[in-house]
Amino acid sequence: MSRRVLTALGLALLAVAVFSPLAEWGEHRSFAAHMAQHLLLGDLAPLVLAIALGGAVSLHPFIAVPAWAGNLVVWHVPAVYETALHHDAIHVLQHVALFAGGLLLWTSILSPRWSVALRLGAIAGMMLVSLGLATLLLWWPRVLYATYRDAHTFAGMSPLSDQRLGGGLMLLEGSLTAFAVAGWLILQLLREESLHSATRNASPSA
């Protein structure tokens, strides 16, 4: 797939996140809808755009992963999350920060500048943070965010079920995306090993 097509796809995912009904539902009615919006903004769109960039720009994974993780966790602290929901400028900042963090993460993981082993380690670290947060959202016994606790039920779900659906979406999307990228990296590693082996076998004996 060409860079132009990938760039258009990444921008289309951003447009869906910002301009589709997900935006309105997520701000006022449903944590799960807001989570879907954030997954588009902070993970899927950045991943596609990082592929389009082709690893041209990246930070070391030991910098990118902690920066991404801190960014993700801070924006899900209830007081910070609620402030973003009720102040437009901070909400825009939240979305920009999530997108920037995702782009920072994926350009690092996809960059050929770093070894495959290092990049696989970065994916493992990413999964620990993402799955930890998703598990908390899935199993926390109370609604964490007051906006959704006081909202009318969405699609017949209770606010707690809605929160758990959001955690489930994060768990599912994060797992599938991470395993897909890890699988691609492992295939790349196997190809490199096969090429090196073929090169050694083709070399004339001393």
N, C-alpha and C. Protein backbone atom coordinates (compact mmCIF):
# COMPACT_ATOMS: atom_id res chain seq x y z
N MET A 1 0.85 -1.20 0.00
CA MET A 1 0.00 0.00 0.00
C MET A 1 0.89 1.25 0.00
N SER A 2 0.60 2.22 -0.87
CA SER A 2 1.45 3.38 -1.01
C SER A 2 1.34 4.32 0.18
N ARG A 3 2.36 5.16 0.33
CA ARG A 3 2.34 6.14 1.42
C ARG A 3 1.15 7.08 1.31
N ARG A 4 0.81 7.44 0.07
CA ARG A 4 -0.32 8.36 -0.13
C ARG A 4 -1.62 7.73 0.37
N VAL A 5 -1.82 6.47 0.06
CA VAL A 5 -3.04 5.78 0.49
C VAL A 5 -3.05 5.64 2.02
N LEU A 6 -1.91 5.26 2.58
CA LEU A 6 -1.83 5.12 4.04
C LEU A 6 -2.07 6.45 4.75
N THR A 7 -1.52 7.51 4.21
CA THR A 7 -1.74 8.83 4.81
C THR A 7 -3.21 9.20 4.75
N ALA A 8 -3.85 8.96 3.61
CA ALA A 8 -5.28 9.25 3.47
C ALA A 8 -6.10 8.42 4.45
N LEU A 9 -5.72 7.15 4.63
CA LEU A 9 -6.43 6.29 5.57
C LEU A 9 -6.27 6.79 7.00
N GLY A 10 -5.04 7.16 7.37
CA GLY A 10 -4.81 7.69 8.71
C GLY A 10 -5.61 8.95 8.97
N LEU A 11 -5.66 9.84 7.99
CA LEU A 11 -6.43 11.07 8.14
C LEU A 11 -7.93 10.77 8.20
N ALA A 12 -8.37 9.76 7.46
CA ALA A 12 -9.78 9.37 7.51
C ALA A 12 -10.16 8.85 8.89
N LEU A 13 -9.26 8.07 9.51
CA LEU A 13 -9.52 7.59 10.87
C LEU A 13 -9.61 8.75 11.85
N LEU A 14 -8.75 9.75 11.68
CA LEU A 14 -8.82 10.94 12.52
C LEU A 14 -10.15 11.67 12.32
N ALA A 15 -10.58 11.76 11.07
CA ALA A 15 -11.84 12.45 10.78
C ALA A 15 -13.02 11.73 11.42
N VAL A 16 -13.02 10.40 11.36
CA VAL A 16 -14.09 9.63 12.01
C VAL A 16 -14.11 9.90 13.51
N ALA A 17 -12.92 9.94 14.11
CA ALA A 17 -12.82 10.18 15.55
C ALA A 17 -13.34 11.56 15.94
N VAL A 18 -13.04 12.56 15.13
CA VAL A 18 -13.36 13.94 15.51
C VAL A 18 -14.74 14.38 15.06
N PHE A 19 -15.19 13.92 13.88
CA PHE A 19 -16.41 14.47 13.28
C PHE A 19 -17.60 13.52 13.27
N SER A 20 -17.40 12.27 13.63
CA SER A 20 -18.52 11.32 13.64
C SER A 20 -19.32 11.48 14.94
N PRO A 21 -20.47 10.81 15.05
CA PRO A 21 -21.25 10.86 16.29
C PRO A 21 -20.48 10.38 17.53
N LEU A 22 -19.39 9.63 17.34
CA LEU A 22 -18.59 9.20 18.48
C LEU A 22 -18.18 10.37 19.37
N ALA A 23 -17.87 11.50 18.74
CA ALA A 23 -17.40 12.66 19.51
C ALA A 23 -18.49 13.16 20.45
N GLU A 24 -19.69 13.33 19.93
CA GLU A 24 -20.79 13.84 20.76
C GLU A 24 -21.22 12.83 21.81
N TRP A 25 -21.34 11.58 21.40
CA TRP A 25 -21.72 10.54 22.35
C TRP A 25 -20.69 10.42 23.47
N GLY A 26 -19.42 10.47 23.10
CA GLY A 26 -18.36 10.29 24.09
C GLY A 26 -18.27 11.42 25.09
N GLU A 27 -18.61 12.63 24.67
CA GLU A 27 -18.51 13.76 25.58
C GLU A 27 -19.65 13.81 26.59
N HIS A 28 -20.82 13.28 26.22
CA HIS A 28 -21.99 13.49 27.06
C HIS A 28 -22.70 12.23 27.51
N ARG A 29 -22.52 11.11 26.79
CA ARG A 29 -23.40 9.98 27.05
C ARG A 29 -22.71 8.66 27.38
N SER A 30 -21.53 8.42 26.81
CA SER A 30 -20.99 7.07 26.90
C SER A 30 -19.47 7.06 27.02
N PHE A 31 -18.97 6.45 28.08
CA PHE A 31 -17.53 6.25 28.21
C PHE A 31 -17.01 5.33 27.11
N ALA A 32 -17.78 4.30 26.74
CA ALA A 32 -17.34 3.36 25.70
C ALA A 32 -17.17 4.07 24.37
N ALA A 33 -18.09 4.99 24.04
CA ALA A 33 -17.97 5.75 22.80
C ALA A 33 -16.73 6.64 22.85
N HIS A 34 -16.48 7.25 24.01
CA HIS A 34 -15.29 8.09 24.15
C HIS A 34 -14.02 7.24 24.04
N MET A 35 -14.05 6.03 24.57
CA MET A 35 -12.90 5.14 24.45
C MET A 35 -12.66 4.77 22.99
N ALA A 36 -13.73 4.48 22.25
CA ALA A 36 -13.57 4.17 20.83
C ALA A 36 -12.95 5.35 20.09
N GLN A 37 -13.39 6.56 20.43
CA GLN A 37 -12.81 7.75 19.82
C GLN A 37 -11.32 7.86 20.14
N HIS A 38 -10.98 7.62 21.41
CA HIS A 38 -9.58 7.73 21.82
C HIS A 38 -8.71 6.64 21.18
N LEU A 39 -9.26 5.46 20.97
CA LEU A 39 -8.50 4.40 20.32
C LEU A 39 -8.19 4.76 18.86
N LEU A 40 -9.15 5.41 18.20
CA LEU A 40 -8.90 5.89 16.85
C LEU A 40 -7.84 6.99 16.84
N LEU A 41 -8.01 7.95 17.76
CA LEU A 41 -7.10 9.10 17.82
C LEU A 41 -5.70 8.73 18.28
N GLY A 42 -5.63 7.86 19.30
CA GLY A 42 -4.36 7.63 19.97
C GLY A 42 -3.64 6.36 19.59
N ASP A 43 -4.30 5.50 18.78
CA ASP A 43 -3.65 4.23 18.45
C ASP A 43 -3.73 3.90 16.96
N LEU A 44 -4.94 3.77 16.43
CA LEU A 44 -5.08 3.29 15.06
C LEU A 44 -4.62 4.32 14.03
N ALA A 45 -5.09 5.56 14.16
CA ALA A 45 -4.64 6.59 13.21
C ALA A 45 -3.13 6.82 13.30
N PRO A 46 -2.56 6.94 14.50
CA PRO A 46 -1.10 7.08 14.58
C PRO A 46 -0.34 5.89 14.00
N LEU A 47 -0.86 4.67 14.20
CA LEU A 47 -0.19 3.50 13.65
C LEU A 47 -0.15 3.56 12.12
N VAL A 48 -1.28 3.87 11.51
CA VAL A 48 -1.33 3.93 10.04
C VAL A 48 -0.41 5.04 9.53
N LEU A 49 -0.43 6.19 10.18
CA LEU A 49 0.43 7.30 9.75
C LEU A 49 1.92 6.98 9.99
N ALA A 50 2.22 6.24 11.06
CA ALA A 50 3.60 5.83 11.30
C ALA A 50 4.09 4.89 10.21
N ILE A 51 3.21 4.00 9.75
CA ILE A 51 3.57 3.11 8.64
C ILE A 51 3.85 3.95 7.39
N ALA A 52 3.00 4.97 7.17
CA ALA A 52 3.19 5.85 6.01
C ALA A 52 4.52 6.58 6.08
N LEU A 53 4.95 6.95 7.30
CA LEU A 53 6.22 7.66 7.44
C LEU A 53 7.42 6.75 7.18
N GLY A 54 7.21 5.45 7.33
CA GLY A 54 8.27 4.49 7.01
C GLY A 54 9.47 4.54 7.94
N GLY A 55 9.26 4.93 9.19
CA GLY A 55 10.36 4.94 10.15
C GLY A 55 11.34 6.07 9.93
N ALA A 56 10.90 7.11 9.20
CA ALA A 56 11.82 8.21 8.90
C ALA A 56 12.19 9.01 10.14
N VAL A 57 11.28 9.10 11.08
CA VAL A 57 11.51 9.87 12.31
C VAL A 57 11.15 9.00 13.49
N SER A 58 12.04 8.89 14.49
CA SER A 58 11.69 8.10 15.67
C SER A 58 12.61 8.42 16.83
N LEU A 59 12.09 8.21 18.04
CA LEU A 59 12.89 8.27 19.25
C LEU A 59 13.25 6.85 19.67
N HIS A 60 14.23 6.74 20.56
CA HIS A 60 14.58 5.43 21.10
C HIS A 60 13.37 4.87 21.86
N PRO A 61 13.07 3.58 21.70
CA PRO A 61 11.92 3.00 22.40
C PRO A 61 11.95 3.20 23.92
N PHE A 62 13.14 3.26 24.53
CA PHE A 62 13.22 3.46 25.98
C PHE A 62 12.76 4.85 26.38
N ILE A 63 12.70 5.76 25.42
CA ILE A 63 12.14 7.10 25.67
C ILE A 63 10.67 7.12 25.27
N ALA A 64 10.37 6.55 24.12
CA ALA A 64 9.02 6.64 23.56
C ALA A 64 7.98 5.91 24.41
N VAL A 65 8.30 4.70 24.87
CA VAL A 65 7.30 3.92 25.62
C VAL A 65 6.94 4.56 26.96
N PRO A 66 7.91 4.97 27.79
CA PRO A 66 7.52 5.64 29.04
C PRO A 66 6.76 6.94 28.80
N ALA A 67 7.15 7.70 27.77
CA ALA A 67 6.43 8.95 27.48
C ALA A 67 4.99 8.66 27.08
N TRP A 68 4.81 7.67 26.23
CA TRP A 68 3.46 7.27 25.82
C TRP A 68 2.65 6.77 27.02
N ALA A 69 3.26 5.93 27.85
CA ALA A 69 2.56 5.34 28.99
C ALA A 69 2.12 6.42 29.99
N GLY A 70 3.03 7.34 30.31
CA GLY A 70 2.68 8.40 31.24
C GLY A 70 1.56 9.26 30.71
N ASN A 71 1.62 9.57 29.43
CA ASN A 71 0.58 10.36 28.78
C ASN A 71 -0.77 9.66 28.87
N LEU A 72 -0.80 8.38 28.55
CA LEU A 72 -2.05 7.62 28.56
C LEU A 72 -2.65 7.55 29.96
N VAL A 73 -1.82 7.23 30.94
CA VAL A 73 -2.32 7.04 32.30
C VAL A 73 -2.82 8.36 32.89
N VAL A 74 -2.07 9.44 32.69
CA VAL A 74 -2.46 10.73 33.26
C VAL A 74 -3.83 11.16 32.75
N TRP A 75 -4.09 10.99 31.47
CA TRP A 75 -5.37 11.43 30.92
C TRP A 75 -6.54 10.58 31.37
N HIS A 76 -6.28 9.42 31.96
CA HIS A 76 -7.36 8.58 32.49
C HIS A 76 -7.53 8.70 34.00
N VAL A 77 -6.72 9.52 34.65
CA VAL A 77 -6.98 9.84 36.06
C VAL A 77 -8.33 10.56 36.13
N PRO A 78 -9.27 10.12 36.97
CA PRO A 78 -10.62 10.69 36.95
C PRO A 78 -10.68 12.22 36.98
N ALA A 79 -9.90 12.86 37.85
CA ALA A 79 -9.96 14.32 37.94
C ALA A 79 -9.50 14.97 36.64
N VAL A 80 -8.46 14.42 36.01
CA VAL A 80 -7.95 14.98 34.76
C VAL A 80 -8.94 14.71 33.62
N TYR A 81 -9.46 13.51 33.58
CA TYR A 81 -10.42 13.13 32.54
C TYR A 81 -11.66 14.01 32.61
N GLU A 82 -12.18 14.22 33.81
CA GLU A 82 -13.37 15.06 33.98
C GLU A 82 -13.09 16.51 33.60
N THR A 83 -11.92 17.01 33.95
CA THR A 83 -11.57 18.38 33.58
C THR A 83 -11.56 18.53 32.07
N ALA A 84 -11.02 17.55 31.37
CA ALA A 84 -10.99 17.60 29.90
C ALA A 84 -12.40 17.58 29.32
N LEU A 85 -13.30 16.79 29.91
CA LEU A 85 -14.66 16.73 29.40
C LEU A 85 -15.39 18.06 29.51
N HIS A 86 -15.05 18.86 30.52
CA HIS A 86 -15.82 20.07 30.80
C HIS A 86 -15.11 21.36 30.42
N HIS A 87 -13.93 21.26 29.81
CA HIS A 87 -13.21 22.45 29.35
C HIS A 87 -12.70 22.18 27.94
N ASP A 88 -13.24 22.90 26.98
CA ASP A 88 -12.96 22.61 25.56
C ASP A 88 -11.47 22.65 25.24
N ALA A 89 -10.77 23.64 25.75
CA ALA A 89 -9.35 23.77 25.42
C ALA A 89 -8.55 22.57 25.94
N ILE A 90 -8.88 22.13 27.15
CA ILE A 90 -8.18 20.97 27.71
C ILE A 90 -8.57 19.70 26.99
N HIS A 91 -9.82 19.63 26.53
CA HIS A 91 -10.26 18.46 25.77
C HIS A 91 -9.49 18.36 24.45
N VAL A 92 -9.31 19.49 23.79
CA VAL A 92 -8.51 19.51 22.56
C VAL A 92 -7.07 19.09 22.87
N LEU A 93 -6.53 19.61 23.97
CA LEU A 93 -5.18 19.24 24.38
C LEU A 93 -5.08 17.75 24.64
N GLN A 94 -6.08 17.18 25.28
CA GLN A 94 -6.10 15.73 25.54
C GLN A 94 -6.01 14.96 24.23
N HIS A 95 -6.83 15.34 23.26
CA HIS A 95 -6.84 14.62 21.99
C HIS A 95 -5.52 14.78 21.24
N VAL A 96 -4.97 15.98 21.25
CA VAL A 96 -3.69 16.21 20.59
C VAL A 96 -2.59 15.39 21.28
N ALA A 97 -2.62 15.37 22.62
CA ALA A 97 -1.60 14.63 23.37
C ALA A 97 -1.70 13.13 23.12
N LEU A 98 -2.93 12.59 23.07
CA LEU A 98 -3.10 11.17 22.81
C LEU A 98 -2.61 10.81 21.40
N PHE A 99 -2.92 11.66 20.43
CA PHE A 99 -2.45 11.41 19.06
C PHE A 99 -0.93 11.48 19.00
N ALA A 100 -0.36 12.52 19.59
CA ALA A 100 1.09 12.69 19.56
C ALA A 100 1.79 11.54 20.26
N GLY A 101 1.25 11.11 21.40
CA GLY A 101 1.84 9.98 22.12
C GLY A 101 1.80 8.70 21.30
N GLY A 102 0.66 8.47 20.63
CA GLY A 102 0.55 7.28 19.78
C GLY A 102 1.51 7.32 18.61
N LEU A 103 1.66 8.49 17.99
CA LEU A 103 2.58 8.61 16.87
C LEU A 103 4.02 8.42 17.32
N LEU A 104 4.34 8.98 18.49
CA LEU A 104 5.68 8.80 19.06
C LEU A 104 5.97 7.32 19.30
N LEU A 105 4.99 6.62 19.85
CA LEU A 105 5.15 5.19 20.14
C LEU A 105 5.36 4.37 18.88
N TRP A 106 4.45 4.54 17.91
CA TRP A 106 4.48 3.66 16.74
C TRP A 106 5.64 3.98 15.80
N THR A 107 6.03 5.24 15.67
CA THR A 107 7.21 5.52 14.84
C THR A 107 8.45 4.89 15.45
N SER A 108 8.50 4.83 16.77
CA SER A 108 9.63 4.19 17.44
C SER A 108 9.63 2.68 17.20
N ILE A 109 8.47 2.05 17.37
CA ILE A 109 8.38 0.60 17.24
C ILE A 109 8.59 0.14 15.80
N LEU A 110 8.16 0.96 14.84
CA LEU A 110 8.27 0.56 13.44
C LEU A 110 9.58 0.96 12.79
N SER A 111 10.39 1.74 13.48
CA SER A 111 11.62 2.24 12.87
C SER A 111 12.67 1.13 12.72
N PRO A 112 13.23 0.97 11.53
CA PRO A 112 14.30 -0.03 11.34
C PRO A 112 15.62 0.39 11.97
N ARG A 113 15.67 1.60 12.54
CA ARG A 113 16.90 2.04 13.23
C ARG A 113 17.20 1.16 14.44
N TRP A 114 16.16 0.59 15.04
CA TRP A 114 16.33 -0.18 16.27
C TRP A 114 16.21 -1.67 15.98
N SER A 115 16.82 -2.47 16.82
CA SER A 115 16.78 -3.92 16.63
C SER A 115 15.36 -4.44 16.81
N VAL A 116 15.07 -5.58 16.17
CA VAL A 116 13.75 -6.19 16.32
C VAL A 116 13.51 -6.58 17.77
N ALA A 117 14.54 -7.09 18.45
CA ALA A 117 14.38 -7.48 19.85
C ALA A 117 13.99 -6.30 20.72
N LEU A 118 14.61 -5.15 20.48
CA LEU A 118 14.28 -3.95 21.24
C LEU A 118 12.86 -3.51 20.97
N ARG A 119 12.44 -3.59 19.73
CA ARG A 119 11.09 -3.17 19.37
C ARG A 119 10.05 -4.13 19.93
N LEU A 120 10.37 -5.42 19.96
CA LEU A 120 9.45 -6.37 20.59
C LEU A 120 9.34 -6.11 22.09
N GLY A 121 10.46 -5.73 22.72
CA GLY A 121 10.41 -5.35 24.13
C GLY A 121 9.53 -4.13 24.35
N ALA A 122 9.58 -3.18 23.41
CA ALA A 122 8.73 -1.99 23.51
C ALA A 122 7.26 -2.37 23.42
N ILE A 123 6.93 -3.31 22.54
CA ILE A 123 5.53 -3.77 22.44
C ILE A 123 5.10 -4.44 23.74
N ALA A 124 5.99 -5.24 24.34
CA ALA A 124 5.66 -5.89 25.61
C ALA A 124 5.38 -4.85 26.69
N GLY A 125 6.21 -3.82 26.76
CA GLY A 125 5.97 -2.76 27.73
C GLY A 125 4.68 -2.03 27.47
N MET A 126 4.40 -1.75 26.20
CA MET A 126 3.15 -1.10 25.83
C MET A 126 1.94 -1.93 26.27
N MET A 127 2.02 -3.23 26.04
CA MET A 127 0.91 -4.11 26.39
C MET A 127 0.68 -4.16 27.89
N LEU A 128 1.76 -4.17 28.67
CA LEU A 128 1.60 -4.19 30.13
C LEU A 128 0.82 -2.98 30.62
N VAL A 129 1.14 -1.80 30.08
CA VAL A 129 0.46 -0.58 30.50
C VAL A 129 -0.98 -0.57 30.01
N SER A 130 -1.17 -0.84 28.73
CA SER A 130 -2.49 -0.78 28.12
C SER A 130 -3.44 -1.81 28.73
N LEU A 131 -2.95 -3.04 28.88
CA LEU A 131 -3.81 -4.09 29.43
C LEU A 131 -4.07 -3.86 30.91
N GLY A 132 -3.09 -3.28 31.62
CA GLY A 132 -3.33 -2.97 33.02
C GLY A 132 -4.43 -1.95 33.19
N LEU A 133 -4.40 -0.89 32.39
CA LEU A 133 -5.44 0.13 32.46
C LEU A 133 -6.79 -0.43 32.01
N ALA A 134 -6.79 -1.22 30.95
CA ALA A 134 -8.04 -1.82 30.47
C ALA A 134 -8.65 -2.74 31.52
N THR A 135 -7.82 -3.53 32.19
CA THR A 135 -8.31 -4.44 33.22
C THR A 135 -8.91 -3.67 34.38
N LEU A 136 -8.27 -2.57 34.77
CA LEU A 136 -8.84 -1.73 35.83
C LEU A 136 -10.22 -1.22 35.44
N LEU A 137 -10.36 -0.75 34.21
CA LEU A 137 -11.66 -0.24 33.76
C LEU A 137 -12.71 -1.35 33.67
N LEU A 138 -12.26 -2.54 33.33
CA LEU A 138 -13.19 -3.67 33.23
C LEU A 138 -13.74 -4.09 34.58
N TRP A 139 -12.90 -4.10 35.60
CA TRP A 139 -13.28 -4.74 36.85
C TRP A 139 -13.44 -3.78 38.04
N TRP A 140 -13.22 -2.49 37.83
CA TRP A 140 -13.43 -1.55 38.94
C TRP A 140 -14.90 -1.60 39.34
N PRO A 141 -15.20 -1.69 40.64
CA PRO A 141 -16.60 -1.93 41.06
C PRO A 141 -17.51 -0.71 40.99
N ARG A 142 -16.95 0.47 40.72
CA ARG A 142 -17.78 1.68 40.66
C ARG A 142 -17.46 2.46 39.39
N VAL A 143 -18.39 3.32 39.01
CA VAL A 143 -18.16 4.19 37.86
C VAL A 143 -17.12 5.24 38.25
N LEU A 144 -16.06 5.35 37.46
CA LEU A 144 -14.93 6.22 37.81
C LEU A 144 -15.16 7.68 37.43
N TYR A 145 -15.99 7.92 36.42
CA TYR A 145 -16.11 9.26 35.86
C TYR A 145 -17.53 9.78 36.07
N ALA A 146 -17.64 10.89 36.80
CA ALA A 146 -18.94 11.40 37.22
C ALA A 146 -19.85 11.74 36.05
N THR A 147 -19.29 12.22 34.96
CA THR A 147 -20.11 12.58 33.80
C THR A 147 -20.94 11.41 33.33
N TYR A 148 -20.36 10.24 33.31
CA TYR A 148 -21.07 9.06 32.82
C TYR A 148 -21.92 8.43 33.91
N ARG A 149 -21.55 8.61 35.13
CA ARG A 149 -22.38 8.11 36.24
C ARG A 149 -23.73 8.81 36.27
N ASP A 150 -23.73 10.09 35.92
CA ASP A 150 -24.95 10.89 35.99
C ASP A 150 -25.67 10.98 34.65
N ALA A 151 -25.10 10.40 33.60
CA ALA A 151 -25.72 10.48 32.27
C ALA A 151 -26.86 9.48 32.16
N HIS A 152 -27.72 9.73 31.20
CA HIS A 152 -28.77 8.76 30.90
C HIS A 152 -28.12 7.49 30.35
N THR A 153 -28.78 6.38 30.54
CA THR A 153 -28.22 5.12 30.06
C THR A 153 -28.04 5.17 28.54
N PHE A 154 -26.97 4.55 28.06
CA PHE A 154 -26.64 4.56 26.63
C PHE A 154 -26.85 3.16 26.08
N ALA A 155 -27.69 3.06 25.07
CA ALA A 155 -27.98 1.77 24.41
C ALA A 155 -28.46 0.73 25.42
N GLY A 156 -29.19 1.18 26.43
CA GLY A 156 -29.75 0.26 27.41
C GLY A 156 -28.78 -0.23 28.47
N MET A 157 -27.53 0.26 28.44
CA MET A 157 -26.53 -0.19 29.41
C MET A 157 -26.54 0.70 30.64
N SER A 158 -26.20 0.12 31.77
CA SER A 158 -25.97 0.92 32.96
C SER A 158 -24.64 1.64 32.82
N PRO A 159 -24.41 2.73 33.57
CA PRO A 159 -23.11 3.41 33.48
C PRO A 159 -21.93 2.48 33.77
N LEU A 160 -22.09 1.55 34.71
CA LEU A 160 -20.98 0.64 35.02
C LEU A 160 -20.73 -0.32 33.86
N SER A 161 -21.80 -0.81 33.24
CA SER A 161 -21.62 -1.69 32.07
C SER A 161 -20.97 -0.94 30.93
N ASP A 162 -21.34 0.33 30.76
CA ASP A 162 -20.74 1.17 29.73
C ASP A 162 -19.24 1.33 29.98
N GLN A 163 -18.86 1.55 31.24
CA GLN A 163 -17.44 1.67 31.57
C GLN A 163 -16.70 0.37 31.28
N ARG A 164 -17.33 -0.73 31.62
CA ARG A 164 -16.70 -2.03 31.38
C ARG A 164 -16.59 -2.33 29.89
N LEU A 165 -17.57 -1.89 29.12
CA LEU A 165 -17.47 -2.04 27.67
C LEU A 165 -16.28 -1.23 27.14
N GLY A 166 -16.10 -0.02 27.67
CA GLY A 166 -14.95 0.79 27.26
C GLY A 166 -13.64 0.10 27.58
N GLY A 167 -13.55 -0.49 28.78
CA GLY A 167 -12.35 -1.24 29.13
C GLY A 167 -12.15 -2.44 28.23
N GLY A 168 -13.25 -3.11 27.87
CA GLY A 168 -13.16 -4.26 26.97
C GLY A 168 -12.69 -3.86 25.58
N LEU A 169 -13.18 -2.72 25.09
CA LEU A 169 -12.72 -2.23 23.79
C LEU A 169 -11.22 -1.95 23.81
N MET A 170 -10.77 -1.34 24.89
CA MET A 170 -9.34 -1.04 25.02
C MET A 170 -8.52 -2.34 25.06
N LEU A 171 -9.00 -3.31 25.80
CA LEU A 171 -8.32 -4.60 25.91
C LEU A 171 -8.25 -5.30 24.56
N LEU A 172 -9.38 -5.34 23.86
CA LEU A 172 -9.45 -6.05 22.58
C LEU A 172 -8.61 -5.35 21.52
N GLU A 173 -8.83 -4.05 21.34
CA GLU A 173 -8.09 -3.32 20.31
C GLU A 173 -6.59 -3.31 20.59
N GLY A 174 -6.22 -3.08 21.84
CA GLY A 174 -4.81 -3.05 22.20
C GLY A 174 -4.13 -4.38 21.97
N SER A 175 -4.80 -5.46 22.33
CA SER A 175 -4.23 -6.80 22.16
C SER A 175 -4.06 -7.14 20.70
N LEU A 176 -5.13 -6.93 19.91
CA LEU A 176 -5.07 -7.29 18.49
C LEU A 176 -4.01 -6.48 17.75
N THR A 177 -3.96 -5.19 18.04
CA THR A 177 -2.98 -4.34 17.36
C THR A 177 -1.55 -4.72 17.75
N ALA A 178 -1.32 -4.91 19.05
CA ALA A 178 0.02 -5.25 19.51
C ALA A 178 0.47 -6.60 18.96
N PHE A 179 -0.41 -7.60 18.97
CA PHE A 179 -0.04 -8.91 18.46
C PHE A 179 0.21 -8.87 16.95
N ALA A 180 -0.57 -8.07 16.23
CA ALA A 180 -0.37 -7.96 14.79
C ALA A 180 1.00 -7.36 14.49
N VAL A 181 1.35 -6.28 15.18
CA VAL A 181 2.65 -5.64 14.93
C VAL A 181 3.78 -6.55 15.40
N ALA A 182 3.60 -7.21 16.55
CA ALA A 182 4.63 -8.15 17.04
C ALA A 182 4.83 -9.29 16.04
N GLY A 183 3.73 -9.81 15.49
CA GLY A 183 3.84 -10.88 14.50
C GLY A 183 4.61 -10.44 13.27
N TRP A 184 4.34 -9.20 12.83
CA TRP A 184 5.07 -8.66 11.67
C TRP A 184 6.56 -8.53 11.98
N LEU A 185 6.90 -8.09 13.18
CA LEU A 185 8.31 -7.95 13.57
C LEU A 185 9.00 -9.31 13.66
N ILE A 186 8.29 -10.31 14.18
CA ILE A 186 8.87 -11.65 14.29
C ILE A 186 9.13 -12.23 12.90
N LEU A 187 8.19 -12.02 11.98
CA LEU A 187 8.41 -12.47 10.59
C LEU A 187 9.63 -11.78 9.99
N GLN A 188 9.77 -10.49 10.30
CA GLN A 188 10.93 -9.74 9.81
C GLN A 188 12.22 -10.32 10.37
N LEU A 189 12.21 -10.67 11.65
CA LEU A 189 13.39 -11.26 12.28
C LEU A 189 13.73 -12.61 11.65
N LEU A 190 12.72 -13.43 11.38
CA LEU A 190 12.94 -14.73 10.76
C LEU A 190 13.51 -14.58 9.36
N ARG A 191 13.02 -13.59 8.62
CA ARG A 191 13.56 -13.36 7.27
C ARG A 191 15.03 -12.96 7.34
N GLU A 192 15.36 -12.09 8.30
CA GLU A 192 16.75 -11.65 8.44
C GLU A 192 17.66 -12.84 8.78
N GLU A 193 17.20 -13.69 9.71
CA GLU A 193 17.99 -14.86 10.07
C GLU A 193 18.16 -15.81 8.89
N SER A 194 17.09 -15.98 8.11
CA SER A 194 17.16 -16.85 6.94
C SER A 194 18.14 -16.29 5.91
N LEU A 195 18.10 -14.97 5.72
CA LEU A 195 19.01 -14.33 4.77
C LEU A 195 20.46 -14.48 5.22
N HIS A 196 20.72 -14.27 6.52
CA HIS A 196 22.07 -14.41 7.04
C HIS A 196 22.56 -15.85 6.90
N SER A 197 21.67 -16.79 7.16
CA SER A 197 22.04 -18.20 7.04
C SER A 197 22.37 -18.56 5.60
N ALA A 198 21.54 -18.05 4.67
CA ALA A 198 21.79 -18.33 3.25
C ALA A 198 23.10 -17.70 2.80
N THR A 199 23.41 -16.50 3.33
CA THR A 199 24.66 -15.82 2.97
C THR A 199 25.87 -16.60 3.47
N ARG A 200 25.78 -17.11 4.71
CA ARG A 200 26.90 -17.90 5.27
C ARG A 200 27.11 -19.19 4.48
N ASN A 201 26.00 -19.85 4.12
CA ASN A 201 26.12 -21.10 3.38
C ASN A 201 26.67 -20.90 1.98
N ALA A 202 26.38 -19.72 1.41
CA ALA A 202 26.87 -19.44 0.05
C ALA A 202 28.32 -19.00 0.04
N SER A 203 28.87 -18.62 1.19
CA SER A 203 30.26 -18.13 1.24
C SER A 203 31.20 -19.31 0.98
N PRO A 204 32.26 -19.09 0.21
CA PRO A 204 33.23 -20.18 -0.06
C PRO A 204 33.99 -20.55 1.19
N SER A 205 34.30 -21.80 1.33
CA SER A 205 35.06 -22.25 2.52
C SER A 205 36.48 -21.73 2.47
N ALA A 206 36.99 -21.46 3.65
CA ALA A 206 38.39 -20.96 3.75
C ALA A 206 39.33 -22.08 3.39
